[in-house]
PDB file of N, CA and C in Angstrom:
ATOM      1  N   MET A   1       9.759 -33.355  -4.320  1.00  0.00           N
ATOM      2  CA  MET A   1       8.840 -32.267  -4.636  1.00  0.00           C
ATOM      3  C   MET A   1       7.968 -32.684  -5.812  1.00  0.00           C
ATOM      4  N   GLN A   2       6.661 -32.480  -5.675  1.00  0.00           N
ATOM      5  CA  GLN A   2       5.747 -32.863  -6.740  1.00  0.00           C
ATOM      6  C   GLN A   2       5.519 -31.698  -7.698  1.00  0.00           C
ATOM      7  N   LEU A   3       5.334 -32.042  -8.950  1.00  0.00           N
ATOM      8  CA  LEU A   3       4.985 -31.039  -9.942  1.00  0.00           C
ATOM      9  C   LEU A   3       3.508 -30.713  -9.808  1.00  0.00           C
ATOM     10  N   ALA A   4       3.107 -29.568 -10.313  1.00  0.00           N
ATOM     11  CA  ALA A   4       1.725 -29.103 -10.167  1.00  0.00           C
ATOM     12  C   ALA A   4       0.721 -30.061 -10.797  1.00  0.00           C
ATOM     13  N   ASN A   5       1.098 -30.778 -11.851  1.00  0.00           N
ATOM     14  CA  ASN A   5       0.139 -31.653 -12.521  1.00  0.00           C
ATOM     15  C   ASN A   5       0.146 -33.065 -11.944  1.00  0.00           C
ATOM     16  N   GLU A   6       0.989 -33.347 -10.966  1.00  0.00           N
ATOM     17  CA  GLU A   6       0.973 -34.639 -10.306  1.00  0.00           C
ATOM     18  C   GLU A   6      -0.100 -34.635  -9.235  1.00  0.00           C
ATOM     19  N   SER A   7      -0.574 -35.824  -8.885  1.00  0.00           N
ATOM     20  CA  SER A   7      -1.576 -35.904  -7.832  1.00  0.00           C
ATOM     21  C   SER A   7      -1.070 -36.797  -6.709  1.00  0.00           C
ATOM     22  N   ALA A   8      -1.640 -36.617  -5.555  1.00  0.00           N
ATOM     23  CA  ALA A   8      -1.297 -37.416  -4.385  1.00  0.00           C
ATOM     24  C   ALA A   8      -2.591 -37.948  -3.793  1.00  0.00           C
ATOM     25  N   ARG A   9      -2.489 -39.060  -3.134  1.00  0.00           N
ATOM     26  CA  ARG A   9      -3.672 -39.715  -2.584  1.00  0.00           C
ATOM     27  C   ARG A   9      -3.748 -39.473  -1.082  1.00  0.00           C
ATOM     28  N   ILE A  10      -4.967 -39.237  -0.597  1.00  0.00           N
ATOM     29  CA  ILE A  10      -5.260 -39.174   0.828  1.00  0.00           C
ATOM     30  C   ILE A  10      -6.377 -40.181   1.077  1.00  0.00           C
ATOM     31  N   ASN A  11      -6.147 -41.092   1.984  1.00  0.00           N
ATOM     32  CA  ASN A  11      -7.179 -42.060   2.362  1.00  0.00           C
ATOM     33  C   ASN A  11      -7.686 -41.705   3.754  1.00  0.00           C
ATOM     34  N   LEU A  12      -9.000 -41.856   3.953  1.00  0.00           N
ATOM     35  CA  LEU A  12      -9.551 -41.592   5.270  1.00  0.00           C
ATOM     36  C   LEU A  12     -10.780 -42.444   5.504  1.00  0.00           C
ATOM     37  N   ARG A  13     -11.102 -42.590   6.764  1.00  0.00           N
ATOM     38  CA  ARG A  13     -12.312 -43.305   7.151  1.00  0.00           C
ATOM     39  C   ARG A  13     -13.218 -42.325   7.880  1.00  0.00           C
ATOM     40  N   THR A  14     -14.529 -42.562   7.747  1.00  0.00           N
ATOM     41  CA  THR A  14     -15.498 -41.702   8.406  1.00  0.00           C
ATOM     42  C   THR A  14     -16.729 -42.520   8.746  1.00  0.00           C
ATOM     43  N   SER A  15     -17.634 -41.914   9.455  1.00  0.00           N
ATOM     44  CA  SER A  15     -18.880 -42.596   9.797  1.00  0.00           C
ATOM     45  C   SER A  15     -19.787 -42.639   8.573  1.00  0.00           C
ATOM     46  N   VAL A  16     -20.744 -43.536   8.613  1.00  0.00           N
ATOM     47  CA  VAL A  16     -21.712 -43.643   7.522  1.00  0.00           C
ATOM     48  C   VAL A  16     -22.490 -42.338   7.389  1.00  0.00           C
ATOM     49  N   GLU A  17     -22.851 -41.738   8.534  1.00  0.00           N
ATOM     50  CA  GLU A  17     -23.607 -40.480   8.512  1.00  0.00           C
ATOM     51  C   GLU A  17     -22.803 -39.364   7.855  1.00  0.00           C
ATOM     52  N   ALA A  18     -21.517 -39.260   8.188  1.00  0.00           N
ATOM     53  CA  ALA A  18     -20.690 -38.214   7.590  1.00  0.00           C
ATOM     54  C   ALA A  18     -20.539 -38.452   6.091  1.00  0.00           C
ATOM     55  N   LYS A  19     -20.322 -39.704   5.695  1.00  0.00           N
ATOM     56  CA  LYS A  19     -20.176 -40.030   4.270  1.00  0.00           C
ATOM     57  C   LYS A  19     -21.441 -39.659   3.506  1.00  0.00           C
ATOM     58  N   THR A  20     -22.598 -39.991   4.072  1.00  0.00           N
ATOM     59  CA  THR A  20     -23.872 -39.681   3.417  1.00  0.00           C
ATOM     60  C   THR A  20     -24.049 -38.172   3.266  1.00  0.00           C
ATOM     61  N   MET A  21     -23.722 -37.431   4.302  1.00  0.00           N
ATOM     62  CA  MET A  21     -23.868 -35.973   4.247  1.00  0.00           C
ATOM     63  C   MET A  21     -22.911 -35.371   3.224  1.00  0.00           C
ATOM     64  N   ILE A  22     -21.680 -35.858   3.183  1.00  0.00           N
ATOM     65  CA  ILE A  22     -20.692 -35.353   2.226  1.00  0.00           C
ATOM     66  C   ILE A  22     -21.134 -35.668   0.805  1.00  0.00           C
ATOM     67  N   GLU A  23     -21.627 -36.865   0.578  1.00  0.00           N
ATOM     68  CA  GLU A  23     -22.112 -37.235  -0.756  1.00  0.00           C
ATOM     69  C   GLU A  23     -23.280 -36.341  -1.176  1.00  0.00           C
ATOM     70  N   ARG A  24     -24.176 -36.066  -0.249  1.00  0.00           N
ATOM     71  CA  ARG A  24     -25.325 -35.208  -0.562  1.00  0.00           C
ATOM     72  C   ARG A  24     -24.865 -33.788  -0.889  1.00  0.00           C
ATOM     73  N   ALA A  25     -23.948 -33.262  -0.079  1.00  0.00           N
ATOM     74  CA  ALA A  25     -23.447 -31.907  -0.324  1.00  0.00           C
ATOM     75  C   ALA A  25     -22.726 -31.828  -1.665  1.00  0.00           C
ATOM     76  N   ALA A  26     -21.928 -32.838  -1.987  1.00  0.00           N
ATOM     77  CA  ALA A  26     -21.223 -32.849  -3.273  1.00  0.00           C
ATOM     78  C   ALA A  26     -22.222 -32.870  -4.422  1.00  0.00           C
ATOM     79  N   ALA A  27     -23.262 -33.676  -4.294  1.00  0.00           N
ATOM     80  CA  ALA A  27     -24.280 -33.738  -5.341  1.00  0.00           C
ATOM     81  C   ALA A  27     -24.979 -32.394  -5.496  1.00  0.00           C
ATOM     82  N   LEU A  28     -25.286 -31.744  -4.382  1.00  0.00           N
ATOM     83  CA  LEU A  28     -25.939 -30.435  -4.443  1.00  0.00           C
ATOM     84  C   LEU A  28     -25.042 -29.388  -5.103  1.00  0.00           C
ATOM     85  N   MET A  29     -23.739 -29.539  -4.938  1.00  0.00           N
ATOM     86  CA  MET A  29     -22.785 -28.613  -5.552  1.00  0.00           C
ATOM     87  C   MET A  29     -22.468 -29.013  -6.993  1.00  0.00           C
ATOM     88  N   GLY A  30     -22.949 -30.167  -7.428  1.00  0.00           N
ATOM     89  CA  GLY A  30     -22.689 -30.610  -8.793  1.00  0.00           C
ATOM     90  C   GLY A  30     -21.253 -31.041  -9.015  1.00  0.00           C
ATOM     91  N   THR A  31     -20.635 -31.624  -8.004  1.00  0.00           N
ATOM     92  CA  THR A  31     -19.248 -32.035  -8.107  1.00  0.00           C
ATOM     93  C   THR A  31     -19.081 -33.444  -7.546  1.00  0.00           C
ATOM     94  N   THR A  32     -17.896 -33.973  -7.685  1.00  0.00           N
ATOM     95  CA  THR A  32     -17.616 -35.295  -7.129  1.00  0.00           C
ATOM     96  C   THR A  32     -17.316 -35.172  -5.639  1.00  0.00           C
ATOM     97  N   VAL A  33     -17.442 -36.292  -4.950  1.00  0.00           N
ATOM     98  CA  VAL A  33     -17.103 -36.313  -3.531  1.00  0.00           C
ATOM     99  C   VAL A  33     -15.642 -35.925  -3.344  1.00  0.00           C
ATOM    100  N   SER A  34     -14.763 -36.463  -4.182  1.00  0.00           N
ATOM    101  CA  SER A  34     -13.339 -36.142  -4.058  1.00  0.00           C
ATOM    102  C   SER A  34     -13.086 -34.647  -4.250  1.00  0.00           C
ATOM    103  N   ALA A  35     -13.661 -34.067  -5.292  1.00  0.00           N
ATOM    104  CA  ALA A  35     -13.455 -32.647  -5.551  1.00  0.00           C
ATOM    105  C   ALA A  35     -14.038 -31.808  -4.422  1.00  0.00           C
ATOM    106  N   PHE A  36     -15.204 -32.188  -3.936  1.00  0.00           N
ATOM    107  CA  PHE A  36     -15.837 -31.474  -2.826  1.00  0.00           C
ATOM    108  C   PHE A  36     -14.961 -31.509  -1.582  1.00  0.00           C
ATOM    109  N   MET A  37     -14.456 -32.690  -1.257  1.00  0.00           N
ATOM    110  CA  MET A  37     -13.638 -32.835  -0.053  1.00  0.00           C
ATOM    111  C   MET A  37     -12.315 -32.089  -0.187  1.00  0.00           C
ATOM    112  N   VAL A  38     -11.680 -32.194  -1.343  1.00  0.00           N
ATOM    113  CA  VAL A  38     -10.403 -31.503  -1.529  1.00  0.00           C
ATOM    114  C   VAL A  38     -10.598 -30.000  -1.443  1.00  0.00           C
ATOM    115  N   GLN A  39     -11.613 -29.471  -2.127  1.00  0.00           N
ATOM    116  CA  GLN A  39     -11.851 -28.029  -2.114  1.00  0.00           C
ATOM    117  C   GLN A  39     -12.106 -27.535  -0.697  1.00  0.00           C
ATOM    118  N   ASN A  40     -12.975 -28.214   0.030  1.00  0.00           N
ATOM    119  CA  ASN A  40     -13.331 -27.749   1.369  1.00  0.00           C
ATOM    120  C   ASN A  40     -12.214 -27.976   2.380  1.00  0.00           C
ATOM    121  N   ALA A  41     -11.501 -29.082   2.280  1.00  0.00           N
ATOM    122  CA  ALA A  41     -10.375 -29.323   3.181  1.00  0.00           C
ATOM    123  C   ALA A  41      -9.258 -28.323   2.899  1.00  0.00           C
ATOM    124  N   TYR A  42      -9.018 -28.035   1.622  1.00  0.00           N
ATOM    125  CA  TYR A  42      -7.967 -27.084   1.257  1.00  0.00           C
ATOM    126  C   TYR A  42      -8.297 -25.684   1.774  1.00  0.00           C
ATOM    127  N   GLN A  43      -9.549 -25.269   1.606  1.00  0.00           N
ATOM    128  CA  GLN A  43      -9.960 -23.946   2.102  1.00  0.00           C
ATOM    129  C   GLN A  43      -9.824 -23.866   3.620  1.00  0.00           C
ATOM    130  N   ALA A  44     -10.222 -24.924   4.319  1.00  0.00           N
ATOM    131  CA  ALA A  44     -10.084 -24.948   5.777  1.00  0.00           C
ATOM    132  C   ALA A  44      -8.614 -24.909   6.167  1.00  0.00           C
ATOM    133  N   ALA A  45      -7.780 -25.648   5.458  1.00  0.00           N
ATOM    134  CA  ALA A  45      -6.348 -25.666   5.752  1.00  0.00           C
ATOM    135  C   ALA A  45      -5.739 -24.286   5.537  1.00  0.00           C
ATOM    136  N   GLN A  46      -6.107 -23.611   4.455  1.00  0.00           N
ATOM    137  CA  GLN A  46      -5.595 -22.258   4.201  1.00  0.00           C
ATOM    138  C   GLN A  46      -5.992 -21.309   5.326  1.00  0.00           C
ATOM    139  N   ARG A  47      -7.241 -21.394   5.773  1.00  0.00           N
ATOM    140  CA  ARG A  47      -7.724 -20.520   6.839  1.00  0.00           C
ATOM    141  C   ARG A  47      -6.958 -20.780   8.130  1.00  0.00           C
ATOM    142  N   ILE A  48      -6.785 -22.040   8.482  1.00  0.00           N
ATOM    143  CA  ILE A  48      -6.097 -22.386   9.725  1.00  0.00           C
ATOM    144  C   ILE A  48      -4.641 -21.945   9.681  1.00  0.00           C
ATOM    145  N   VAL A  49      -3.969 -22.194   8.567  1.00  0.00           N
ATOM    146  CA  VAL A  49      -2.570 -21.784   8.439  1.00  0.00           C
ATOM    147  C   VAL A  49      -2.463 -20.263   8.479  1.00  0.00           C
ATOM    148  N   SER A  50      -3.359 -19.579   7.805  1.00  0.00           N
ATOM    149  CA  SER A  50      -3.340 -18.116   7.806  1.00  0.00           C
ATOM    150  C   SER A  50      -3.560 -17.571   9.207  1.00  0.00           C
ATOM    151  N   GLU A  51      -4.523 -18.141   9.943  1.00  0.00           N
ATOM    152  CA  GLU A  51      -4.769 -17.692  11.311  1.00  0.00           C
ATOM    153  C   GLU A  51      -3.552 -17.940  12.194  1.00  0.00           C
ATOM    154  N   ASN A  52      -2.856 -19.030  11.957  1.00  0.00           N
ATOM    155  CA  ASN A  52      -1.675 -19.364  12.750  1.00  0.00           C
ATOM    156  C   ASN A  52      -0.496 -18.457  12.400  1.00  0.00           C
ATOM    157  N   ASP A  53      -0.381 -18.083  11.134  1.00  0.00           N
ATOM    158  CA  ASP A  53       0.769 -17.303  10.661  1.00  0.00           C
ATOM    159  C   ASP A  53       0.568 -15.796  10.746  1.00  0.00           C
ATOM    160  N   THR A  54      -0.610 -15.351  11.119  1.00  0.00           N
ATOM    161  CA  THR A  54      -0.916 -13.924  11.144  1.00  0.00           C
ATOM    162  C   THR A  54      -1.017 -13.434  12.578  1.00  0.00           C
ATOM    163  N   LEU A  55      -0.346 -12.347  12.855  1.00  0.00           N
ATOM    164  CA  LEU A  55      -0.398 -11.718  14.169  1.00  0.00           C
ATOM    165  C   LEU A  55      -1.150 -10.406  14.036  1.00  0.00           C
ATOM    166  N   LEU A  56      -2.252 -10.280  14.732  1.00  0.00           N
ATOM    167  CA  LEU A  56      -3.042  -9.052  14.686  1.00  0.00           C
ATOM    168  C   LEU A  56      -2.821  -8.271  15.970  1.00  0.00           C
ATOM    169  N   LEU A  57      -2.513  -6.993  15.816  1.00  0.00           N
ATOM    170  CA  LEU A  57      -2.294  -6.115  16.954  1.00  0.00           C
ATOM    171  C   LEU A  57      -3.201  -4.901  16.858  1.00  0.00           C
ATOM    172  N   THR A  58      -3.593  -4.396  18.012  1.00  0.00           N
ATOM    173  CA  THR A  58      -4.291  -3.109  18.015  1.00  0.00           C
ATOM    174  C   THR A  58      -3.272  -2.034  17.652  1.00  0.00           C
ATOM    175  N   GLN A  59      -3.749  -0.844  17.326  1.00  0.00           N
ATOM    176  CA  GLN A  59      -2.839   0.265  17.024  1.00  0.00           C
ATOM    177  C   GLN A  59      -1.921   0.541  18.209  1.00  0.00           C
ATOM    178  N   ARG A  60      -2.480   0.499  19.410  1.00  0.00           N
ATOM    179  CA  ARG A  60      -1.693   0.749  20.619  1.00  0.00           C
ATOM    180  C   ARG A  60      -0.607  -0.314  20.799  1.00  0.00           C
ATOM    181  N   ASP A  61      -0.980  -1.591  20.624  1.00  0.00           N
ATOM    182  CA  ASP A  61      -0.008  -2.664  20.773  1.00  0.00           C
ATOM    183  C   ASP A  61       1.057  -2.610  19.681  1.00  0.00           C
ATOM    184  N   PHE A  62       0.648  -2.240  18.466  1.00  0.00           N
ATOM    185  CA  PHE A  62       1.619  -2.112  17.379  1.00  0.00           C
ATOM    186  C   PHE A  62       2.620  -1.000  17.679  1.00  0.00           C
ATOM    187  N   ALA A  63       2.117   0.109  18.205  1.00  0.00           N
ATOM    188  CA  ALA A  63       3.005   1.225  18.563  1.00  0.00           C
ATOM    189  C   ALA A  63       3.980   0.797  19.660  1.00  0.00           C
ATOM    190  N   ALA A  64       3.497   0.050  20.641  1.00  0.00           N
ATOM    191  CA  ALA A  64       4.381  -0.430  21.717  1.00  0.00           C
ATOM    192  C   ALA A  64       5.413  -1.412  21.163  1.00  0.00           C
ATOM    193  N   PHE A  65       4.991  -2.261  20.234  1.00  0.00           N
ATOM    194  CA  PHE A  65       5.898  -3.235  19.618  1.00  0.00           C
ATOM    195  C   PHE A  65       7.003  -2.527  18.836  1.00  0.00           C
ATOM    196  N   THR A  66       6.624  -1.574  17.998  1.00  0.00           N
ATOM    197  CA  THR A  66       7.633  -0.869  17.200  1.00  0.00           C
ATOM    198  C   THR A  66       8.527  -0.015  18.077  1.00  0.00           C
ATOM    199  N   ALA A  67       7.986   0.556  19.159  1.00  0.00           N
ATOM    200  CA  ALA A  67       8.815   1.334  20.090  1.00  0.00           C
ATOM    201  C   ALA A  67       9.846   0.427  20.752  1.00  0.00           C
ATOM    202  N   ALA A  68       9.443  -0.790  21.110  1.00  0.00           N
ATOM    203  CA  ALA A  68      10.383  -1.729  21.723  1.00  0.00           C
ATOM    204  C   ALA A  68      11.461  -2.141  20.729  1.00  0.00           C
ATOM    205  N   LEU A  69      11.113  -2.260  19.457  1.00  0.00           N
ATOM    206  CA  LEU A  69      12.116  -2.577  18.438  1.00  0.00           C
ATOM    207  C   LEU A  69      13.087  -1.417  18.240  1.00  0.00           C
ATOM    208  N   ASP A  70      12.553  -0.195  18.268  1.00  0.00           N
ATOM    209  CA  ASP A  70      13.394   0.986  18.062  1.00  0.00           C
ATOM    210  C   ASP A  70      14.269   1.296  19.273  1.00  0.00           C
ATOM    211  N   ASN A  71      13.811   0.936  20.454  1.00  0.00           N
ATOM    212  CA  ASN A  71      14.532   1.242  21.694  1.00  0.00           C
ATOM    213  C   ASN A  71      14.609   0.004  22.580  1.00  0.00           C
ATOM    214  N   PRO A  72      15.384  -0.980  22.167  1.00  0.00           N
ATOM    215  CA  PRO A  72      15.429  -2.212  22.970  1.00  0.00           C
ATOM    216  C   PRO A  72      16.126  -1.963  24.307  1.00  0.00           C
ATOM    217  N   PRO A  73      15.739  -2.747  25.321  1.00  0.00           N
ATOM    218  CA  PRO A  73      16.430  -2.597  26.599  1.00  0.00           C
ATOM    219  C   PRO A  73      17.861  -3.119  26.471  1.00  0.00           C
ATOM    220  N   PRO A  74      18.749  -2.680  27.354  1.00  0.00           N
ATOM    221  CA  PRO A  74      20.117  -3.201  27.289  1.00  0.00           C
ATOM    222  C   PRO A  74      20.121  -4.696  27.593  1.00  0.00           C
ATOM    223  N   PRO A  75      21.066  -5.429  27.038  1.00  0.00           N
ATOM    224  CA  PRO A  75      21.080  -6.871  27.286  1.00  0.00           C
ATOM    225  C   PRO A  75      21.361  -7.172  28.762  1.00  0.00           C
ATOM    226  N   SER A  76      20.658  -8.188  29.250  1.00  0.00           N
ATOM    227  CA  SER A  76      20.865  -8.602  30.637  1.00  0.00           C
ATOM    228  C   SER A  76      22.146  -9.437  30.726  1.00  0.00           C
ATOM    229  N   PRO A  77      22.699  -9.578  31.917  1.00  0.00           N
ATOM    230  CA  PRO A  77      23.889 -10.417  32.065  1.00  0.00           C
ATOM    231  C   PRO A  77      23.663 -11.848  31.562  1.00  0.00           C
ATOM    232  N   ALA A  78      22.473 -12.384  31.790  1.00  0.00           N
ATOM    233  CA  ALA A  78      22.181 -13.754  31.322  1.00  0.00           C
ATOM    234  C   ALA A  78      22.206 -13.816  29.798  1.00  0.00           C
ATOM    235  N   LEU A  79      21.680 -12.798  29.126  1.00  0.00           N
ATOM    236  CA  LEU A  79      21.702 -12.777  27.666  1.00  0.00           C
ATOM    237  C   LEU A  79      23.129 -12.652  27.150  1.00  0.00           C
ATOM    238  N   ILE A  80      23.918 -11.800  27.766  1.00  0.00           N
ATOM    239  CA  ILE A  80      25.320 -11.645  27.347  1.00  0.00           C
ATOM    240  C   ILE A  80      26.059 -12.967  27.500  1.00  0.00           C
ATOM    241  N   GLU A  81      25.839 -13.644  28.637  1.00  0.00           N
ATOM    242  CA  GLU A  81      26.484 -14.946  28.863  1.00  0.00           C
ATOM    243  C   GLU A  81      26.050 -15.956  27.802  1.00  0.00           C
ATOM    244  N   LEU A  82      24.775 -15.964  27.482  1.00  0.00           N
ATOM    245  CA  LEU A  82      24.266 -16.891  26.478  1.00  0.00           C
ATOM    246  C   LEU A  82      24.877 -16.626  25.109  1.00  0.00           C
ATOM    247  N   MET A  83      25.022 -15.370  24.763  1.00  0.00           N
ATOM    248  CA  MET A  83      25.524 -15.013  23.433  1.00  0.00           C
ATOM    249  C   MET A  83      27.029 -15.303  23.273  1.00  0.00           C
ATOM    250  N   VAL A  84      27.783 -15.354  24.361  1.00  0.00           N
ATOM    251  CA  VAL A  84      29.205 -15.623  24.221  1.00  0.00           C
ATOM    252  C   VAL A  84      29.517 -17.120  24.251  1.00  0.00           C
ATOM    253  N   ARG A  85      28.520 -17.952  24.541  1.00  0.00           N
ATOM    254  CA  ARG A  85      28.735 -19.404  24.518  1.00  0.00           C
ATOM    255  C   ARG A  85      28.972 -19.871  23.096  1.00  0.00           C
ATOM    256  N   ARG A  86      29.743 -20.916  22.966  1.00  0.00           N
ATOM    257  CA  ARG A  86      29.987 -21.488  21.641  1.00  0.00           C
ATOM    258  C   ARG A  86      29.156 -22.703  21.428  1.00  0.00           C
TER     259      ARG A  86
END
């Protein structure tokens, strides 16, 4: 486990066109290429992880979900058999 003040290295390769565009964007933002890439990659990673970890339901679907939790169907014979296995 790394401490907050430690750093880690990421190496990558890209096309000349992508490198030029990233360098230009970093300059326009007044930051380094490394800081620009880390900030934008981190924000994209947070968004992707959040989208993956978040389940959005309509009110109707949420009501059906909670009703199923409150009133589950009886276990099927296959489920009972599975649960008694060691």
